Amino acid sequence: MTDLNINHGSDEDRIIIPDENGDEHLFQVLFTFDVDASGNSYMVLAPEGSDENENDEDEVEVHAFRYEEPEGEELALFPIETDEEWEMVEELLNTFSEEEDEEEEEEEEN
C-alpha cells in the first residue's frame, strides 16, 4: 500500500456541511489522511453527537470525502468517486475502528 499520513481528529475538530436544501449539519472529524502517491487528502466524518447515542450494537454512520484546503482559501470537500479510493477509505476506517475498540478495552481494564 502507498505511504499514508493519518491524523486523528480531536474533540474540537468539527465541520459544518450544508445539504442540498441549504440546512447546515455539524460533523465531527474522526480522522484525516494524506496519500503520498497521489497527493490527495481525505477526511472521515461522523454526525456530531452520534457517539453519545451509540450502543455497542449500533453502527455510526460515517461520511468520507476527498478534500483540498488551499492556503488562504476555505476547505473544499469532494465526493469519493473511484472504487480504489473507497477501498482505501474502508480499510483505514476498519483500522481506526479496531484501534478505538482496543482503547475502550484498555480503559475498561483500568
Protein backbone atom coordinates (compact mmCIF):
# COMPACT_ATOMS: atom_id res chain seq x y z
CA MET A 1 0.00 0.00 0.00
CA THR A 2 1.13 3.57 -0.53
CA ASP A 3 2.55 5.72 2.24
CA LEU A 4 -0.17 7.31 4.33
CA ASN A 5 -0.10 10.05 6.93
CA ILE A 6 -3.02 9.62 9.33
CA ASN A 7 -4.12 12.42 11.66
CA HIS A 8 -6.66 11.54 14.33
CA GLY A 9 -9.27 14.23 14.93
CA SER A 10 -9.59 15.80 18.35
CA ASP A 11 -12.79 16.59 20.21
CA GLU A 12 -12.58 20.15 18.90
CA ASP A 13 -12.37 19.14 15.22
CA ARG A 14 -15.79 19.88 13.82
CA ILE A 15 -17.08 20.95 10.43
CA ILE A 16 -20.43 22.30 9.21
CA ILE A 17 -21.70 20.94 5.91
CA PRO A 18 -24.83 22.28 4.20
CA ASP A 19 -27.11 19.76 2.49
CA GLU A 20 -28.90 20.17 -0.83
CA ASN A 21 -31.68 22.15 0.93
CA GLY A 22 -29.22 24.57 2.50
CA ASP A 23 -29.68 23.12 6.00
CA GLU A 24 -26.44 23.03 7.95
CA HIS A 25 -25.26 19.86 9.72
CA LEU A 26 -22.45 19.58 12.26
CA PHE A 27 -19.94 16.73 11.89
CA GLN A 28 -17.01 15.58 13.98
CA VAL A 29 -13.76 14.85 12.14
CA LEU A 30 -12.78 11.27 13.03
CA PHE A 31 -9.52 11.39 11.13
CA THR A 32 -7.84 12.77 8.05
CA PHE A 33 -5.16 11.14 5.95
CA ASP A 34 -2.92 12.02 3.05
CA VAL A 35 -1.88 9.64 0.30
CA ASP A 36 1.66 10.50 -0.72
CA ALA A 37 1.49 8.66 -4.05
CA SER A 38 -1.49 10.64 -5.34
CA GLY A 39 -1.11 13.82 -3.29
CA ASN A 40 -4.79 13.55 -2.29
CA SER A 41 -6.12 14.22 1.20
CA TYR A 42 -9.18 12.53 2.70
CA MET A 43 -11.45 13.25 5.66
CA VAL A 44 -13.73 10.82 7.53
CA LEU A 45 -16.63 12.42 9.43
CA ALA A 46 -19.42 11.31 11.76
CA PRO A 47 -22.55 13.32 12.60
CA GLU A 48 -21.97 15.34 15.77
CA GLY A 49 -23.41 13.62 18.82
CA SER A 50 -23.54 10.18 17.17
CA ASP A 51 -21.02 8.79 19.68
CA GLU A 52 -23.18 9.97 22.60
CA ASN A 53 -26.16 7.89 21.44
CA GLU A 54 -24.06 4.92 20.43
CA ASN A 55 -24.76 1.49 21.89
CA ASP A 56 -22.27 -1.31 21.39
CA GLU A 57 -24.56 -2.88 18.78
CA ASP A 58 -25.28 0.37 16.91
CA GLU A 59 -23.14 1.39 13.98
CA VAL A 60 -22.31 5.04 13.48
CA GLU A 61 -22.90 6.39 10.00
CA VAL A 62 -19.70 7.92 8.67
CA HIS A 63 -19.01 10.03 5.62
CA ALA A 64 -15.76 10.24 3.68
CA PHE A 65 -14.59 12.97 1.32
CA ARG A 66 -11.52 13.95 -0.60
CA TYR A 67 -10.62 17.45 0.47
CA GLU A 68 -8.47 20.38 -0.51
CA GLU A 69 -7.51 23.31 1.67
CA PRO A 70 -5.51 25.74 -0.48
CA GLU A 71 -3.55 28.27 1.53
CA GLY A 72 -5.70 31.30 2.28
CA GLU A 73 -8.87 29.62 0.99
CA GLU A 74 -11.73 27.71 2.57
CA LEU A 75 -11.82 23.94 2.88
CA ALA A 76 -13.40 22.24 -0.16
CA LEU A 77 -14.92 18.73 0.03
CA PHE A 78 -15.29 16.43 -2.98
CA PRO A 79 -17.14 13.11 -3.25
CA ILE A 80 -15.08 9.94 -3.49
CA GLU A 81 -15.76 8.53 -6.92
CA THR A 82 -13.48 5.57 -7.61
CA ASP A 83 -13.63 2.04 -6.20
CA GLU A 84 -9.92 2.23 -5.37
CA GLU A 85 -10.48 5.32 -3.20
CA TRP A 86 -13.44 3.68 -1.42
CA GLU A 87 -11.44 0.51 -0.73
CA MET A 88 -8.61 2.57 0.75
CA VAL A 89 -11.00 4.56 2.95
CA GLU A 90 -12.81 1.40 4.11
CA GLU A 91 -9.50 -0.26 5.01
CA LEU A 92 -8.42 2.76 7.06
CA LEU A 93 -11.84 3.01 8.69
CA ASN A 94 -11.60 -0.64 9.75
CA THR A 95 -8.14 0.04 11.21
CA PHE A 96 -9.47 3.13 13.01
CA SER A 97 -12.39 1.11 14.43
CA GLU A 98 -10.07 -1.62 15.67
CA GLU A 99 -7.87 0.98 17.41
CA GLU A 100 -10.93 2.54 19.06
CA ASP A 101 -12.08 -0.89 20.28
CA GLU A 102 -8.64 -1.63 21.73
CA GLU A 103 -8.57 1.73 23.54
CA GLU A 104 -12.03 1.08 25.03
CA GLU A 105 -10.96 -2.39 26.22
CA GLU A 106 -7.84 -0.92 27.88
CA GLU A 107 -9.95 1.74 29.64
CA GLU A 108 -12.35 -0.92 30.91
CA GLU A 109 -9.45 -2.96 32.31
CA ASN A 110 -8.13 0.02 34.28
